[in-house]
Amino acid sequence: MPSEETEETPQELLAKLKAERQFLSERMRQHPPDRDHNEFTALFLQVGQLDIEIKKIIESVVPEQGHGELGQFTLKSSEGPDPLRKRKIK
């Protein structure tokens, strides 16, 4: 059996990175606040790095939109105020 690595499709790589990010995020949530802060910081930085990699993959697959899945969270200035903000200031 050949030991060649098969090239992952962007969708497979994206799914793998998202699963890893979810795992690390869950470990961050369960981290006791009174324990090693360096461990928490390392987890936080790993999640941030995964976010960057995920964004790069999305942008490489959908370059014309630029945001891909993240586009749903992007508010263009021409759209006006944030439609999700419903707080009334008294």
PDB file of N, CA and C in Angstrom:
ATOM      1  N   MET A   1       0.843  -1.187   0.000  1.00  0.00           N
ATOM      2  CA  MET A   1       0.000   0.000   0.000  1.00  0.00           C
ATOM      3  C   MET A   1       0.886   1.248   0.000  1.00  0.00           C
ATOM      4  N   PRO A   2       0.720   2.134  -0.952  1.00  0.00           N
ATOM      5  CA  PRO A   2       1.583   3.321  -1.013  1.00  0.00           C
ATOM      6  C   PRO A   2       1.317   4.259   0.160  1.00  0.00           C
ATOM      7  N   SER A   3       2.383   4.899   0.618  1.00  0.00           N
ATOM      8  CA  SER A   3       2.253   5.800   1.762  1.00  0.00           C
ATOM      9  C   SER A   3       2.110   7.251   1.324  1.00  0.00           C
ATOM     10  N   GLU A   4       1.724   7.462   0.061  1.00  0.00           N
ATOM     11  CA  GLU A   4       1.537   8.828  -0.426  1.00  0.00           C
ATOM     12  C   GLU A   4       0.361   9.480   0.289  1.00  0.00           C
ATOM     13  N   GLU A   5       0.540  10.742   0.594  1.00  0.00           N
ATOM     14  CA  GLU A   5      -0.565  11.482   1.201  1.00  0.00           C
ATOM     15  C   GLU A   5      -1.486  11.951   0.088  1.00  0.00           C
ATOM     16  N   THR A   6      -2.768  11.723   0.281  1.00  0.00           N
ATOM     17  CA  THR A   6      -3.718  12.217  -0.709  1.00  0.00           C
ATOM     18  C   THR A   6      -4.012  13.675  -0.405  1.00  0.00           C
ATOM     19  N   GLU A   7      -4.129  14.451  -1.442  1.00  0.00           N
ATOM     20  CA  GLU A   7      -4.420  15.878  -1.282  1.00  0.00           C
ATOM     21  C   GLU A   7      -5.844  16.051  -0.765  1.00  0.00           C
ATOM     22  N   GLU A   8      -5.980  16.782   0.329  1.00  0.00           N
ATOM     23  CA  GLU A   8      -7.315  17.032   0.877  1.00  0.00           C
ATOM     24  C   GLU A   8      -7.985  18.144   0.085  1.00  0.00           C
ATOM     25  N   THR A   9      -9.272  17.999  -0.118  1.00  0.00           N
ATOM     26  CA  THR A   9     -10.011  19.077  -0.765  1.00  0.00           C
ATOM     27  C   THR A   9     -10.152  20.206   0.251  1.00  0.00           C
ATOM     28  N   PRO A  10     -10.379  21.428  -0.215  1.00  0.00           N
ATOM     29  CA  PRO A  10     -10.569  22.533   0.730  1.00  0.00           C
ATOM     30  C   PRO A  10     -11.710  22.264   1.719  1.00  0.00           C
ATOM     31  N   GLN A  11     -12.769  21.594   1.247  1.00  0.00           N
ATOM     32  CA  GLN A  11     -13.897  21.313   2.135  1.00  0.00           C
ATOM     33  C   GLN A  11     -13.494  20.345   3.241  1.00  0.00           C
ATOM     34  N   GLU A  12     -12.693  19.322   2.898  1.00  0.00           N
ATOM     35  CA  GLU A  12     -12.236  18.360   3.905  1.00  0.00           C
ATOM     36  C   GLU A  12     -11.306  19.033   4.904  1.00  0.00           C
ATOM     37  N   LEU A  13     -10.398  19.845   4.397  1.00  0.00           N
ATOM     38  CA  LEU A  13      -9.465  20.549   5.269  1.00  0.00           C
ATOM     39  C   LEU A  13     -10.216  21.518   6.179  1.00  0.00           C
ATOM     40  N   LEU A  14     -11.195  22.210   5.615  1.00  0.00           N
ATOM     41  CA  LEU A  14     -12.002  23.148   6.391  1.00  0.00           C
ATOM     42  C   LEU A  14     -12.753  22.421   7.503  1.00  0.00           C
ATOM     43  N   ALA A  15     -13.345  21.283   7.176  1.00  0.00           N
ATOM     44  CA  ALA A  15     -14.077  20.504   8.182  1.00  0.00           C
ATOM     45  C   ALA A  15     -13.139  20.032   9.286  1.00  0.00           C
ATOM     46  N   LYS A  16     -11.937  19.607   8.909  1.00  0.00           N
ATOM     47  CA  LYS A  16     -10.959  19.137   9.891  1.00  0.00           C
ATOM     48  C   LYS A  16     -10.526  20.281  10.818  1.00  0.00           C
ATOM     49  N   LEU A  17     -10.242  21.447  10.236  1.00  0.00           N
ATOM     50  CA  LEU A  17      -9.823  22.593  11.037  1.00  0.00           C
ATOM     51  C   LEU A  17     -10.940  23.063  11.963  1.00  0.00           C
ATOM     52  N   LYS A  18     -12.181  23.062  11.461  1.00  0.00           N
ATOM     53  CA  LYS A  18     -13.311  23.480  12.293  1.00  0.00           C
ATOM     54  C   LYS A  18     -13.519  22.520  13.457  1.00  0.00           C
ATOM     55  N   ALA A  19     -13.339  21.220  13.206  1.00  0.00           N
ATOM     56  CA  ALA A  19     -13.481  20.229  14.280  1.00  0.00           C
ATOM     57  C   ALA A  19     -12.393  20.434  15.332  1.00  0.00           C
ATOM     58  N   GLU A  20     -11.166  20.690  14.885  1.00  0.00           N
ATOM     59  CA  GLU A  20     -10.069  20.930  15.820  1.00  0.00           C
ATOM     60  C   GLU A  20     -10.319  22.206  16.622  1.00  0.00           C
ATOM     61  N   ARG A  21     -10.828  23.237  15.950  1.00  0.00           N
ATOM     62  CA  ARG A  21     -11.125  24.494  16.634  1.00  0.00           C
ATOM     63  C   ARG A  21     -12.209  24.284  17.691  1.00  0.00           C
ATOM     64  N   GLN A  22     -13.243  23.513  17.345  1.00  0.00           N
ATOM     65  CA  GLN A  22     -14.325  23.232  18.288  1.00  0.00           C
ATOM     66  C   GLN A  22     -13.781  22.501  19.516  1.00  0.00           C
ATOM     67  N   PHE A  23     -12.891  21.530  19.288  1.00  0.00           N
ATOM     68  CA  PHE A  23     -12.290  20.770  20.383  1.00  0.00           C
ATOM     69  C   PHE A  23     -11.497  21.695  21.310  1.00  0.00           C
ATOM     70  N   LEU A  24     -10.657  22.558  20.726  1.00  0.00           N
ATOM     71  CA  LEU A  24      -9.850  23.472  21.539  1.00  0.00           C
ATOM     72  C   LEU A  24     -10.725  24.494  22.266  1.00  0.00           C
ATOM     73  N   SER A  25     -11.776  24.962  21.609  1.00  0.00           N
ATOM     74  CA  SER A  25     -12.685  25.921  22.247  1.00  0.00           C
ATOM     75  C   SER A  25     -13.359  25.293  23.460  1.00  0.00           C
ATOM     76  N   GLU A  26     -13.734  24.032  23.324  1.00  0.00           N
ATOM     77  CA  GLU A  26     -14.373  23.332  24.442  1.00  0.00           C
ATOM     78  C   GLU A  26     -13.386  23.168  25.598  1.00  0.00           C
ATOM     79  N   ARG A  27     -12.133  22.870  25.284  1.00  0.00           N
ATOM     80  CA  ARG A  27     -11.114  22.767  26.342  1.00  0.00           C
ATOM     81  C   ARG A  27     -10.926  24.114  27.038  1.00  0.00           C
ATOM     82  N   MET A  28     -10.990  25.210  26.274  1.00  0.00           N
ATOM     83  CA  MET A  28     -10.867  26.542  26.880  1.00  0.00           C
ATOM     84  C   MET A  28     -12.018  26.801  27.838  1.00  0.00           C
ATOM     85  N   ARG A  29     -13.250  26.443  27.413  1.00  0.00           N
ATOM     86  CA  ARG A  29     -14.427  26.671  28.258  1.00  0.00           C
ATOM     87  C   ARG A  29     -14.344  25.886  29.561  1.00  0.00           C
ATOM     88  N   GLN A  30     -13.772  24.682  29.498  1.00  0.00           N
ATOM     89  CA  GLN A  30     -13.717  23.825  30.676  1.00  0.00           C
ATOM     90  C   GLN A  30     -12.487  24.080  31.538  1.00  0.00           C
ATOM     91  N   HIS A  31     -11.614  24.957  31.113  1.00  0.00           N
ATOM     92  CA  HIS A  31     -10.376  25.226  31.854  1.00  0.00           C
ATOM     93  C   HIS A  31     -10.704  25.945  33.155  1.00  0.00           C
ATOM     94  N   PRO A  32     -10.285  25.388  34.291  1.00  0.00           N
ATOM     95  CA  PRO A  32     -10.572  26.049  35.575  1.00  0.00           C
ATOM     96  C   PRO A  32      -9.859  27.400  35.661  1.00  0.00           C
ATOM     97  N   PRO A  33     -10.558  28.438  36.094  1.00  0.00           N
ATOM     98  CA  PRO A  33      -9.955  29.777  36.127  1.00  0.00           C
ATOM     99  C   PRO A  33      -8.789  29.900  37.108  1.00  0.00           C
ATOM    100  N   ASP A  34      -8.730  29.033  38.109  1.00  0.00           N
ATOM    101  CA  ASP A  34      -7.670  29.143  39.115  1.00  0.00           C
ATOM    102  C   ASP A  34      -6.434  28.318  38.761  1.00  0.00           C
ATOM    103  N   ARG A  35      -6.408  27.721  37.567  1.00  0.00           N
ATOM    104  CA  ARG A  35      -5.259  26.905  37.170  1.00  0.00           C
ATOM    105  C   ARG A  35      -4.345  27.667  36.232  1.00  0.00           C
ATOM    106  N   ASP A  36      -3.403  26.950  35.667  1.00  0.00           N
ATOM    107  CA  ASP A  36      -2.337  27.496  34.829  1.00  0.00           C
ATOM    108  C   ASP A  36      -2.864  28.407  33.710  1.00  0.00           C
ATOM    109  N   HIS A  37      -2.564  29.695  33.840  1.00  0.00           N
ATOM    110  CA  HIS A  37      -3.015  30.662  32.833  1.00  0.00           C
ATOM    111  C   HIS A  37      -2.245  30.505  31.523  1.00  0.00           C
ATOM    112  N   ASN A  38      -1.013  29.992  31.593  1.00  0.00           N
ATOM    113  CA  ASN A  38      -0.236  29.784  30.368  1.00  0.00           C
ATOM    114  C   ASN A  38      -0.896  28.743  29.471  1.00  0.00           C
ATOM    115  N   GLU A  39      -1.479  27.716  30.082  1.00  0.00           N
ATOM    116  CA  GLU A  39      -2.171  26.688  29.304  1.00  0.00           C
ATOM    117  C   GLU A  39      -3.370  27.298  28.580  1.00  0.00           C
ATOM    118  N   PHE A  40      -4.129  28.134  29.290  1.00  0.00           N
ATOM    119  CA  PHE A  40      -5.293  28.786  28.685  1.00  0.00           C
ATOM    120  C   PHE A  40      -4.855  29.695  27.538  1.00  0.00           C
ATOM    121  N   THR A  41      -3.786  30.457  27.760  1.00  0.00           N
ATOM    122  CA  THR A  41      -3.281  31.361  26.726  1.00  0.00           C
ATOM    123  C   THR A  41      -2.839  30.579  25.491  1.00  0.00           C
ATOM    124  N   ALA A  42      -2.195  29.439  25.707  1.00  0.00           N
ATOM    125  CA  ALA A  42      -1.763  28.605  24.580  1.00  0.00           C
ATOM    126  C   ALA A  42      -2.972  28.115  23.783  1.00  0.00           C
ATOM    127  N   LEU A  43      -4.023  27.695  24.476  1.00  0.00           N
ATOM    128  CA  LEU A  43      -5.244  27.254  23.797  1.00  0.00           C
ATOM    129  C   LEU A  43      -5.855  28.406  23.011  1.00  0.00           C
ATOM    130  N   PHE A  44      -5.899  29.580  23.639  1.00  0.00           N
ATOM    131  CA  PHE A  44      -6.462  30.773  23.000  1.00  0.00           C
ATOM    132  C   PHE A  44      -5.711  31.102  21.707  1.00  0.00           C
ATOM    133  N   LEU A  45      -4.380  31.039  21.766  1.00  0.00           N
ATOM    134  CA  LEU A  45      -3.571  31.345  20.588  1.00  0.00           C
ATOM    135  C   LEU A  45      -3.753  30.293  19.494  1.00  0.00           C
ATOM    136  N   GLN A  46      -3.899  29.024  19.888  1.00  0.00           N
ATOM    137  CA  GLN A  46      -4.132  27.967  18.900  1.00  0.00           C
ATOM    138  C   GLN A  46      -5.462  28.184  18.184  1.00  0.00           C
ATOM    139  N   VAL A  47      -6.489  28.560  18.933  1.00  0.00           N
ATOM    140  CA  VAL A  47      -7.797  28.818  18.328  1.00  0.00           C
ATOM    141  C   VAL A  47      -7.697  29.997  17.361  1.00  0.00           C
ATOM    142  N   GLY A  48      -6.988  31.036  17.756  1.00  0.00           N
ATOM    143  CA  GLY A  48      -6.803  32.191  16.878  1.00  0.00           C
ATOM    144  C   GLY A  48      -6.075  31.825  15.597  1.00  0.00           C
ATOM    145  N   GLN A  49      -5.053  30.977  15.710  1.00  0.00           N
ATOM    146  CA  GLN A  49      -4.313  30.540  14.527  1.00  0.00           C
ATOM    147  C   GLN A  49      -5.210  29.712  13.610  1.00  0.00           C
ATOM    148  N   LEU A  50      -6.050  28.862  14.194  1.00  0.00           N
ATOM    149  CA  LEU A  50      -6.983  28.069  13.387  1.00  0.00           C
ATOM    150  C   LEU A  50      -7.982  28.976  12.680  1.00  0.00           C
ATOM    151  N   ASP A  51      -8.437  30.031  13.370  1.00  0.00           N
ATOM    152  CA  ASP A  51      -9.351  30.989  12.739  1.00  0.00           C
ATOM    153  C   ASP A  51      -8.715  31.609  11.496  1.00  0.00           C
ATOM    154  N   ILE A  52      -7.434  31.952  11.598  1.00  0.00           N
ATOM    155  CA  ILE A  52      -6.725  32.547  10.466  1.00  0.00           C
ATOM    156  C   ILE A  52      -6.635  31.544   9.317  1.00  0.00           C
ATOM    157  N   GLU A  53      -6.287  30.287   9.631  1.00  0.00           N
ATOM    158  CA  GLU A  53      -6.180  29.261   8.592  1.00  0.00           C
ATOM    159  C   GLU A  53      -7.534  29.005   7.935  1.00  0.00           C
ATOM    160  N   ILE A  54      -8.596  28.951   8.741  1.00  0.00           N
ATOM    161  CA  ILE A  54      -9.944  28.729   8.215  1.00  0.00           C
ATOM    162  C   ILE A  54     -10.330  29.869   7.279  1.00  0.00           C
ATOM    163  N   LYS A  55     -10.038  31.101   7.690  1.00  0.00           N
ATOM    164  CA  LYS A  55     -10.375  32.263   6.863  1.00  0.00           C
ATOM    165  C   LYS A  55      -9.613  32.230   5.541  1.00  0.00           C
ATOM    166  N   LYS A  56      -8.334  31.836   5.580  1.00  0.00           N
ATOM    167  CA  LYS A  56      -7.536  31.756   4.352  1.00  0.00           C
ATOM    168  C   LYS A  56      -8.125  30.734   3.392  1.00  0.00           C
ATOM    169  N   ILE A  57      -8.557  29.589   3.926  1.00  0.00           N
ATOM    170  CA  ILE A  57      -9.141  28.551   3.070  1.00  0.00           C
ATOM    171  C   ILE A  57     -10.432  29.054   2.450  1.00  0.00           C
ATOM    172  N   ILE A  58     -11.270  29.674   3.262  1.00  0.00           N
ATOM    173  CA  ILE A  58     -12.548  30.191   2.758  1.00  0.00           C
ATOM    174  C   ILE A  58     -12.301  31.225   1.665  1.00  0.00           C
ATOM    175  N   GLU A  59     -11.359  32.128   1.896  1.00  0.00           N
ATOM    176  CA  GLU A  59     -11.075  33.162   0.904  1.00  0.00           C
ATOM    177  C   GLU A  59     -10.446  32.583  -0.357  1.00  0.00           C
ATOM    178  N   SER A  60      -9.681  31.499  -0.232  1.00  0.00           N
ATOM    179  CA  SER A  60      -9.076  30.901  -1.424  1.00  0.00           C
ATOM    180  C   SER A  60     -10.116  30.161  -2.260  1.00  0.00           C
ATOM    181  N   VAL A  61     -11.147  29.645  -1.612  1.00  0.00           N
ATOM    182  CA  VAL A  61     -12.201  28.925  -2.327  1.00  0.00           C
ATOM    183  C   VAL A  61     -13.197  29.898  -2.941  1.00  0.00           C
ATOM    184  N   VAL A  62     -13.483  30.992  -2.246  1.00  0.00           N
ATOM    185  CA  VAL A  62     -14.483  31.958  -2.705  1.00  0.00           C
ATOM    186  C   VAL A  62     -13.830  33.338  -2.802  1.00  0.00           C
ATOM    187  N   PRO A  63     -12.869  33.528  -3.718  1.00  0.00           N
ATOM    188  CA  PRO A  63     -12.164  34.806  -3.771  1.00  0.00           C
ATOM    189  C   PRO A  63     -13.024  35.973  -4.239  1.00  0.00           C
ATOM    190  N   GLU A  64     -14.038  35.709  -5.081  1.00  0.00           N
ATOM    191  CA  GLU A  64     -14.835  36.822  -5.597  1.00  0.00           C
ATOM    192  C   GLU A  64     -15.685  37.468  -4.508  1.00  0.00           C
ATOM    193  N   GLN A  65     -16.101  36.701  -3.510  1.00  0.00           N
ATOM    194  CA  GLN A  65     -16.871  37.280  -2.413  1.00  0.00           C
ATOM    195  C   GLN A  65     -15.948  37.781  -1.312  1.00  0.00           C
ATOM    196  N   GLY A  66     -14.796  37.157  -1.189  1.00  0.00           N
ATOM    197  CA  GLY A  66     -13.811  37.611  -0.228  1.00  0.00           C
ATOM    198  C   GLY A  66     -14.046  37.133   1.185  1.00  0.00           C
ATOM    199  N   HIS A  67     -15.283  36.824   1.533  1.00  0.00           N
ATOM    200  CA  HIS A  67     -15.554  36.449   2.916  1.00  0.00           C
ATOM    201  C   HIS A  67     -16.121  35.044   3.048  1.00  0.00           C
ATOM    202  N   GLY A  68     -16.672  34.486   1.989  1.00  0.00           N
ATOM    203  CA  GLY A  68     -17.225  33.145   2.060  1.00  0.00           C
ATOM    204  C   GLY A  68     -18.240  33.022   3.177  1.00  0.00           C
ATOM    205  N   GLU A  69     -18.069  32.017   4.021  1.00  0.00           N
ATOM    206  CA  GLU A  69     -18.985  31.799   5.137  1.00  0.00           C
ATOM    207  C   GLU A  69     -18.983  32.977   6.110  1.00  0.00           C
ATOM    208  N   LEU A  70     -17.838  33.636   6.205  1.00  0.00           N
ATOM    209  CA  LEU A  70     -17.739  34.746   7.150  1.00  0.00           C
ATOM    210  C   LEU A  70     -18.522  35.962   6.676  1.00  0.00           C
ATOM    211  N   GLY A  71     -18.889  35.999   5.389  1.00  0.00           N
ATOM    212  CA  GLY A  71     -19.598  37.141   4.827  1.00  0.00           C
ATOM    213  C   GLY A  71     -20.918  37.416   5.495  1.00  0.00           C
ATOM    214  N   GLN A  72     -21.548  36.384   6.038  1.00  0.00           N
ATOM    215  CA  GLN A  72     -22.832  36.598   6.689  1.00  0.00           C
ATOM    216  C   GLN A  72     -22.700  37.461   7.940  1.00  0.00           C
ATOM    217  N   PHE A  73     -21.482  37.560   8.475  1.00  0.00           N
ATOM    218  CA  PHE A  73     -21.273  38.358   9.673  1.00  0.00           C
ATOM    219  C   PHE A  73     -20.714  39.736   9.357  1.00  0.00           C
ATOM    220  N   THR A  74     -20.449  39.998   8.083  1.00  0.00           N
ATOM    221  CA  THR A  74     -19.841  41.256   7.689  1.00  0.00           C
ATOM    222  C   THR A  74     -20.932  42.265   7.349  1.00  0.00           C
ATOM    223  N   LEU A  75     -20.873  43.408   7.973  1.00  0.00           N
ATOM    224  CA  LEU A  75     -21.853  44.458   7.714  1.00  0.00           C
ATOM    225  C   LEU A  75     -21.191  45.518   6.841  1.00  0.00           C
ATOM    226  N   LYS A  76     -21.750  45.752   5.683  1.00  0.00           N
ATOM    227  CA  LYS A  76     -21.216  46.790   4.812  1.00  0.00           C
ATOM    228  C   LYS A  76     -21.741  48.136   5.297  1.00  0.00           C
ATOM    229  N   SER A  77     -20.922  49.162   5.182  1.00  0.00           N
ATOM    230  CA  SER A  77     -21.324  50.478   5.681  1.00  0.00           C
ATOM    231  C   SER A  77     -22.555  51.005   4.949  1.00  0.00           C
ATOM    232  N   SER A  78     -22.785  50.550   3.721  1.00  0.00           N
ATOM    233  CA  SER A  78     -23.940  51.031   2.966  1.00  0.00           C
ATOM    234  C   SER A  78     -25.252  50.424   3.458  1.00  0.00           C
ATOM    235  N   GLU A  79     -25.165  49.410   4.319  1.00  0.00           N
ATOM    236  CA  GLU A  79     -26.369  48.756   4.816  1.00  0.00           C
ATOM    237  C   GLU A  79     -26.992  49.486   6.003  1.00  0.00           C
ATOM    238  N   GLY A  80     -26.316  50.474   6.518  1.00  0.00           N
ATOM    239  CA  GLY A  80     -26.866  51.215   7.641  1.00  0.00           C
ATOM    240  C   GLY A  80     -26.511  50.587   8.976  1.00  0.00           C
ATOM    241  N   PRO A  81     -27.296  50.897  10.023  1.00  0.00           N
ATOM    242  CA  PRO A  81     -26.975  50.396  11.356  1.00  0.00           C
ATOM    243  C   PRO A  81     -27.129  48.878  11.440  1.00  0.00           C
ATOM    244  N   ASP A  82     -26.508  48.305  12.437  1.00  0.00           N
ATOM    245  CA  ASP A  82     -26.535  46.860  12.651  1.00  0.00           C
ATOM    246  C   ASP A  82     -27.966  46.399  12.902  1.00  0.00           C
ATOM    247  N   PRO A  83     -28.519  45.539  12.036  1.00  0.00           N
ATOM    248  CA  PRO A  83     -29.909  45.104  12.207  1.00  0.00           C
ATOM    249  C   PRO A  83     -30.112  44.218  13.435  1.00  0.00           C
ATOM    250  N   LEU A  84     -29.025  43.651  13.975  1.00  0.00           N
ATOM    251  CA  LEU A  84     -29.155  42.790  15.148  1.00  0.00           C
ATOM    252  C   LEU A  84     -29.208  43.585  16.451  1.00  0.00           C
ATOM    253  N   ARG A  85     -28.808  44.837  16.394  1.00  0.00           N
ATOM    254  CA  ARG A  85     -28.793  45.649  17.609  1.00  0.00           C
ATOM    255  C   ARG A  85     -30.183  46.223  17.831  1.00  0.00           C
ATOM    256  N   LYS A  86     -30.829  45.797  18.899  1.00  0.00           N
ATOM    257  CA  LYS A  86     -32.191  46.249  19.171  1.00  0.00           C
ATOM    258  C   LYS A  86     -32.296  46.912  20.537  1.00  0.00           C
ATOM    259  N   ARG A  87     -31.148  47.222  21.119  1.00  0.00           N
ATOM    260  CA  ARG A  87     -31.177  47.860  22.431  1.00  0.00           C
ATOM    261  C   ARG A  87     -31.659  49.294  22.300  1.00  0.00           C
ATOM    262  N   LYS A  88     -32.489  49.686  23.224  1.00  0.00           N
ATOM    263  CA  LYS A  88     -32.949  51.077  23.247  1.00  0.00           C
ATOM    264  C   LYS A  88     -32.173  51.809  24.328  1.00  0.00           C
ATOM    265  N   ILE A  89     -31.659  52.948  23.978  1.00  0.00           N
ATOM    266  CA  ILE A  89     -30.916  53.758  24.936  1.00  0.00           C
ATOM    267  C   ILE A  89     -31.880  54.754  25.549  1.00  0.00           C
ATOM    268  N   LYS A  90     -31.966  54.730  26.878  1.00  0.00           N
ATOM    269  CA  LYS A  90     -32.898  55.639  27.566  1.00  0.00           C
ATOM    270  C   LYS A  90     -32.159  56.783  28.191  1.00  0.00           C
TER     271      LYS A  90
END
